[in-house]
Amino acid sequence: MQVTFQTKEESNRQQREAFLKLSGAERVFAFIELSKQINAFPTKHKPEKSNNFIIDFTKK
């Protein structure tokens, strides 16, 4: 692992450039993976059950 020191603007620019190098399909999969990671983030708020459309990517 490499540690680098950079400004927030430099970090954001670097992340944006790396994301834009991905193909359209890779961007969609990256978005879905990020969404899965955000849902796994611990929080005190528990969402109420709803009848909203939910995509479940877990393997059964």
PDB file of N, CA and C in Angstrom:
ATOM      1  N   MET A   1       0.844  -1.174   0.000  1.00  0.00           N
ATOM      2  CA  MET A   1       0.000   0.000   0.000  1.00  0.00           C
ATOM      3  C   MET A   1       0.888   1.235   0.000  1.00  0.00           C
ATOM      4  N   GLN A   2       0.475   2.220  -0.777  1.00  0.00           N
ATOM      5  CA  GLN A   2       1.249   3.443  -0.908  1.00  0.00           C
ATOM      6  C   GLN A   2       0.469   4.590  -0.293  1.00  0.00           C
ATOM      7  N   VAL A   3       1.143   5.407   0.512  1.00  0.00           N
ATOM      8  CA  VAL A   3       0.513   6.568   1.136  1.00  0.00           C
ATOM      9  C   VAL A   3       0.967   7.806   0.389  1.00  0.00           C
ATOM     10  N   THR A   4      -0.003   8.610  -0.060  1.00  0.00           N
ATOM     11  CA  THR A   4       0.324   9.856  -0.740  1.00  0.00           C
ATOM     12  C   THR A   4      -0.376  11.011  -0.041  1.00  0.00           C
ATOM     13  N   PHE A   5       0.233  12.160  -0.105  1.00  0.00           N
ATOM     14  CA  PHE A   5      -0.343  13.373   0.469  1.00  0.00           C
ATOM     15  C   PHE A   5      -0.708  14.301  -0.677  1.00  0.00           C
ATOM     16  N   GLN A   6      -1.996  14.648  -0.738  1.00  0.00           N
ATOM     17  CA  GLN A   6      -2.474  15.525  -1.802  1.00  0.00           C
ATOM     18  C   GLN A   6      -3.671  16.311  -1.300  1.00  0.00           C
ATOM     19  N   THR A   7      -3.993  17.352  -2.026  1.00  0.00           N
ATOM     20  CA  THR A   7      -5.138  18.161  -1.631  1.00  0.00           C
ATOM     21  C   THR A   7      -6.425  17.438  -2.004  1.00  0.00           C
ATOM     22  N   LYS A   8      -7.523  17.900  -1.455  1.00  0.00           N
ATOM     23  CA  LYS A   8      -8.826  17.316  -1.763  1.00  0.00           C
ATOM     24  C   LYS A   8      -9.130  17.460  -3.248  1.00  0.00           C
ATOM     25  N   GLU A   9      -8.803  18.620  -3.817  1.00  0.00           N
ATOM     26  CA  GLU A   9      -9.051  18.864  -5.244  1.00  0.00           C
ATOM     27  C   GLU A   9      -8.250  17.900  -6.114  1.00  0.00           C
ATOM     28  N   GLU A  10      -6.982  17.660  -5.744  1.00  0.00           N
ATOM     29  CA  GLU A  10      -6.153  16.719  -6.497  1.00  0.00           C
ATOM     30  C   GLU A  10      -6.706  15.303  -6.397  1.00  0.00           C
ATOM     31  N   SER A  11      -7.141  14.925  -5.210  1.00  0.00           N
ATOM     32  CA  SER A  11      -7.706  13.598  -5.008  1.00  0.00           C
ATOM     33  C   SER A  11      -8.983  13.426  -5.832  1.00  0.00           C
ATOM     34  N   ASN A  12      -9.863  14.427  -5.796  1.00  0.00           N
ATOM     35  CA  ASN A  12     -11.113  14.354  -6.552  1.00  0.00           C
ATOM     36  C   ASN A  12     -10.845  14.275  -8.048  1.00  0.00           C
ATOM     37  N   ARG A  13      -9.882  15.052  -8.540  1.00  0.00           N
ATOM     38  CA  ARG A  13      -9.538  15.037  -9.960  1.00  0.00           C
ATOM     39  C   ARG A  13      -9.016  13.661 -10.366  1.00  0.00           C
ATOM     40  N   GLN A  14      -8.161  13.083  -9.534  1.00  0.00           N
ATOM     41  CA  GLN A  14      -7.597  11.770  -9.818  1.00  0.00           C
ATOM     42  C   GLN A  14      -8.689  10.694  -9.845  1.00  0.00           C
ATOM     43  N   GLN A  15      -9.613  10.730  -8.894  1.00  0.00           N
ATOM     44  CA  GLN A  15     -10.713   9.763  -8.865  1.00  0.00           C
ATOM     45  C   GLN A  15     -11.616   9.933 -10.082  1.00  0.00           C
ATOM     46  N   ARG A  16     -11.904  11.178 -10.452  1.00  0.00           N
ATOM     47  CA  ARG A  16     -12.767  11.452 -11.609  1.00  0.00           C
ATOM     48  C   ARG A  16     -12.125  10.920 -12.880  1.00  0.00           C
ATOM     49  N   GLU A  17     -10.819  11.168 -13.060  1.00  0.00           N
ATOM     50  CA  GLU A  17     -10.128  10.695 -14.258  1.00  0.00           C
ATOM     51  C   GLU A  17     -10.123   9.176 -14.335  1.00  0.00           C
ATOM     52  N   ALA A  18      -9.901   8.511 -13.209  1.00  0.00           N
ATOM     53  CA  ALA A  18      -9.906   7.045 -13.193  1.00  0.00           C
ATOM     54  C   ALA A  18     -11.290   6.508 -13.540  1.00  0.00           C
ATOM     55  N   PHE A  19     -12.340   7.170 -13.028  1.00  0.00           N
ATOM     56  CA  PHE A  19     -13.705   6.731 -13.305  1.00  0.00           C
ATOM     57  C   PHE A  19     -14.050   6.937 -14.772  1.00  0.00           C
ATOM     58  N   LEU A  20     -13.640   8.065 -15.344  1.00  0.00           N
ATOM     59  CA  LEU A  20     -13.975   8.352 -16.737  1.00  0.00           C
ATOM     60  C   LEU A  20     -13.220   7.460 -17.720  1.00  0.00           C
ATOM     61  N   LYS A  21     -12.142   6.827 -17.279  1.00  0.00           N
ATOM     62  CA  LYS A  21     -11.410   5.892 -18.140  1.00  0.00           C
ATOM     63  C   LYS A  21     -12.165   4.569 -18.298  1.00  0.00           C
ATOM     64  N   LEU A  22     -13.127   4.308 -17.403  1.00  0.00           N
ATOM     65  CA  LEU A  22     -13.896   3.071 -17.477  1.00  0.00           C
ATOM     66  C   LEU A  22     -14.889   3.131 -18.626  1.00  0.00           C
ATOM     67  N   SER A  23     -15.251   1.963 -19.139  1.00  0.00           N
ATOM     68  CA  SER A  23     -16.289   1.904 -20.168  1.00  0.00           C
ATOM     69  C   SER A  23     -17.647   2.145 -19.510  1.00  0.00           C
ATOM     70  N   GLY A  24     -18.668   2.334 -20.305  1.00  0.00           N
ATOM     71  CA  GLY A  24     -20.006   2.574 -19.771  1.00  0.00           C
ATOM     72  C   GLY A  24     -20.486   1.453 -18.867  1.00  0.00           C
ATOM     73  N   ALA A  25     -20.286   0.213 -19.296  1.00  0.00           N
ATOM     74  CA  ALA A  25     -20.715  -0.937 -18.493  1.00  0.00           C
ATOM     75  C   ALA A  25     -19.931  -1.011 -17.187  1.00  0.00           C
ATOM     76  N   GLU A  26     -18.632  -0.736 -17.258  1.00  0.00           N
ATOM     77  CA  GLU A  26     -17.814  -0.762 -16.045  1.00  0.00           C
ATOM     78  C   GLU A  26     -18.252   0.321 -15.060  1.00  0.00           C
ATOM     79  N   ARG A  27     -18.689   1.468 -15.583  1.00  0.00           N
ATOM     80  CA  ARG A  27     -19.189   2.542 -14.715  1.00  0.00           C
ATOM     81  C   ARG A  27     -20.457   2.110 -13.997  1.00  0.00           C
ATOM     82  N   VAL A  28     -21.347   1.443 -14.706  1.00  0.00           N
ATOM     83  CA  VAL A  28     -22.586   0.969 -14.088  1.00  0.00           C
ATOM     84  C   VAL A  28     -22.268  -0.026 -12.984  1.00  0.00           C
ATOM     85  N   PHE A  29     -21.382  -0.974 -13.265  1.00  0.00           N
ATOM     86  CA  PHE A  29     -21.014  -1.963 -12.250  1.00  0.00           C
ATOM     87  C   PHE A  29     -20.310  -1.308 -11.064  1.00  0.00           C
ATOM     88  N   ALA A  30     -19.487  -0.296 -11.321  1.00  0.00           N
ATOM     89  CA  ALA A  30     -18.821   0.423 -10.228  1.00  0.00           C
ATOM     90  C   ALA A  30     -19.859   1.130  -9.359  1.00  0.00           C
ATOM     91  N   PHE A  31     -20.871   1.711  -9.990  1.00  0.00           N
ATOM     92  CA  PHE A  31     -21.945   2.377  -9.246  1.00  0.00           C
ATOM     93  C   PHE A  31     -22.715   1.370  -8.391  1.00  0.00           C
ATOM     94  N   ILE A  32     -23.037   0.223  -8.966  1.00  0.00           N
ATOM     95  CA  ILE A  32     -23.771  -0.809  -8.223  1.00  0.00           C
ATOM     96  C   ILE A  32     -22.940  -1.310  -7.048  1.00  0.00           C
ATOM     97  N   GLU A  33     -21.666  -1.533  -7.270  1.00  0.00           N
ATOM     98  CA  GLU A  33     -20.788  -1.995  -6.190  1.00  0.00           C
ATOM     99  C   GLU A  33     -20.701  -0.950  -5.080  1.00  0.00           C
ATOM    100  N   LEU A  34     -20.592   0.306  -5.434  1.00  0.00           N
ATOM    101  CA  LEU A  34     -20.557   1.373  -4.433  1.00  0.00           C
ATOM    102  C   LEU A  34     -21.871   1.424  -3.660  1.00  0.00           C
ATOM    103  N   SER A  35     -22.976   1.237  -4.354  1.00  0.00           N
ATOM    104  CA  SER A  35     -24.282   1.226  -3.691  1.00  0.00           C
ATOM    105  C   SER A  35     -24.372   0.080  -2.685  1.00  0.00           C
ATOM    106  N   LYS A  36     -23.843  -1.084  -3.050  1.00  0.00           N
ATOM    107  CA  LYS A  36     -23.840  -2.223  -2.130  1.00  0.00           C
ATOM    108  C   LYS A  36     -22.993  -1.918  -0.905  1.00  0.00           C
ATOM    109  N   GLN A  37     -21.845  -1.278  -1.102  1.00  0.00           N
ATOM    110  CA  GLN A  37     -20.971  -0.935   0.016  1.00  0.00           C
ATOM    111  C   GLN A  37     -21.625   0.083   0.939  1.00  0.00           C
ATOM    112  N   ILE A  38     -22.335   1.048   0.375  1.00  0.00           N
ATOM    113  CA  ILE A  38     -23.018   2.060   1.190  1.00  0.00           C
ATOM    114  C   ILE A  38     -24.111   1.409   2.020  1.00  0.00           C
ATOM    115  N   ASN A  39     -24.839   0.463   1.447  1.00  0.00           N
ATOM    116  CA  ASN A  39     -25.900  -0.227   2.197  1.00  0.00           C
ATOM    117  C   ASN A  39     -25.332  -1.061   3.332  1.00  0.00           C
ATOM    118  N   ALA A  40     -24.098  -1.519   3.213  1.00  0.00           N
ATOM    119  CA  ALA A  40     -23.478  -2.328   4.259  1.00  0.00           C
ATOM    120  C   ALA A  40     -22.854  -1.467   5.358  1.00  0.00           C
ATOM    121  N   PHE A  41     -22.807  -0.156   5.158  1.00  0.00           N
ATOM    122  CA  PHE A  41     -22.199   0.745   6.134  1.00  0.00           C
ATOM    123  C   PHE A  41     -23.058   0.785   7.389  1.00  0.00           C
ATOM    124  N   PRO A  42     -22.451   0.602   8.562  1.00  0.00           N
ATOM    125  CA  PRO A  42     -23.254   0.577   9.798  1.00  0.00           C
ATOM    126  C   PRO A  42     -23.891   1.932  10.092  1.00  0.00           C
ATOM    127  N   THR A  43     -25.144   1.903  10.529  1.00  0.00           N
ATOM    128  CA  THR A  43     -25.863   3.125  10.857  1.00  0.00           C
ATOM    129  C   THR A  43     -26.866   2.833  11.963  1.00  0.00           C
ATOM    130  N   LYS A  44     -27.218   3.863  12.708  1.00  0.00           N
ATOM    131  CA  LYS A  44     -28.202   3.704  13.777  1.00  0.00           C
ATOM    132  C   LYS A  44     -29.617   3.698  13.207  1.00  0.00           C
ATOM    133  N   HIS A  45     -29.809   4.376  12.086  1.00  0.00           N
ATOM    134  CA  HIS A  45     -31.135   4.470  11.476  1.00  0.00           C
ATOM    135  C   HIS A  45     -31.485   3.161  10.776  1.00  0.00           C
ATOM    136  N   LYS A  46     -32.610   2.591  11.137  1.00  0.00           N
ATOM    137  CA  LYS A  46     -33.084   1.382  10.486  1.00  0.00           C
ATOM    138  C   LYS A  46     -34.248   1.755   9.576  1.00  0.00           C
ATOM    139  N   PRO A  47     -34.125   1.507   8.288  1.00  0.00           N
ATOM    140  CA  PRO A  47     -35.203   1.874   7.373  1.00  0.00           C
ATOM    141  C   PRO A  47     -36.465   1.047   7.623  1.00  0.00           C
ATOM    142  N   GLU A  48     -37.579   1.692   7.418  1.00  0.00           N
ATOM    143  CA  GLU A  48     -38.855   0.990   7.547  1.00  0.00           C
ATOM    144  C   GLU A  48     -39.068   0.128   6.311  1.00  0.00           C
ATOM    145  N   LYS A  49     -39.777  -0.963   6.487  1.00  0.00           N
ATOM    146  CA  LYS A  49     -40.098  -1.808   5.345  1.00  0.00           C
ATOM    147  C   LYS A  49     -41.063  -1.051   4.447  1.00  0.00           C
ATOM    148  N   SER A  50     -40.843  -1.146   3.169  1.00  0.00           N
ATOM    149  CA  SER A  50     -41.705  -0.464   2.220  1.00  0.00           C
ATOM    150  C   SER A  50     -41.978  -1.375   1.032  1.00  0.00           C
ATOM    151  N   ASN A  51     -42.819  -0.942   0.167  1.00  0.00           N
ATOM    152  CA  ASN A  51     -43.153  -1.699  -1.036  1.00  0.00           C
ATOM    153  C   ASN A  51     -42.362  -1.194  -2.236  1.00  0.00           C
ATOM    154  N   ASN A  52     -41.239  -0.506  -1.984  1.00  0.00           N
ATOM    155  CA  ASN A  52     -40.410   0.007  -3.063  1.00  0.00           C
ATOM    156  C   ASN A  52     -39.734  -1.138  -3.791  1.00  0.00           C
ATOM    157  N   PHE A  53     -39.363  -0.875  -5.022  1.00  0.00           N
ATOM    158  CA  PHE A  53     -38.657  -1.832  -5.853  1.00  0.00           C
ATOM    159  C   PHE A  53     -37.235  -1.969  -5.321  1.00  0.00           C
ATOM    160  N   ILE A  54     -36.803  -3.185  -4.985  1.00  0.00           N
ATOM    161  CA  ILE A  54     -35.483  -3.419  -4.437  1.00  0.00           C
ATOM    162  C   ILE A  54     -34.774  -4.463  -5.282  1.00  0.00           C
ATOM    163  N   ILE A  55     -33.538  -4.149  -5.683  1.00  0.00           N
ATOM    164  CA  ILE A  55     -32.718  -5.095  -6.416  1.00  0.00           C
ATOM    165  C   ILE A  55     -31.795  -5.753  -5.412  1.00  0.00           C
ATOM    166  N   ASP A  56     -31.853  -7.071  -5.299  1.00  0.00           N
ATOM    167  CA  ASP A  56     -31.037  -7.814  -4.349  1.00  0.00           C
ATOM    168  C   ASP A  56     -29.978  -8.587  -5.117  1.00  0.00           C
ATOM    169  N   PHE A  57     -28.694  -8.228  -4.887  1.00  0.00           N
ATOM    170  CA  PHE A  57     -27.594  -8.860  -5.593  1.00  0.00           C
ATOM    171  C   PHE A  57     -26.937  -9.969  -4.794  1.00  0.00           C
ATOM    172  N   THR A  58     -27.502 -10.314  -3.645  1.00  0.00           N
ATOM    173  CA  THR A  58     -26.899 -11.363  -2.838  1.00  0.00           C
ATOM    174  C   THR A  58     -27.143 -12.715  -3.488  1.00  0.00           C
ATOM    175  N   LYS A  59     -26.164 -13.587  -3.361  1.00  0.00           N
ATOM    176  CA  LYS A  59     -26.310 -14.939  -3.923  1.00  0.00           C
ATOM    177  C   LYS A  59     -27.081 -15.787  -2.946  1.00  0.00           C
ATOM    178  N   LYS A  60     -27.975 -16.577  -3.463  1.00  0.00           N
ATOM    179  CA  LYS A  60     -28.784 -17.477  -2.615  1.00  0.00           C
ATOM    180  C   LYS A  60     -28.476 -18.900  -2.934  1.00  0.00           C
TER     181      LYS A  60
END
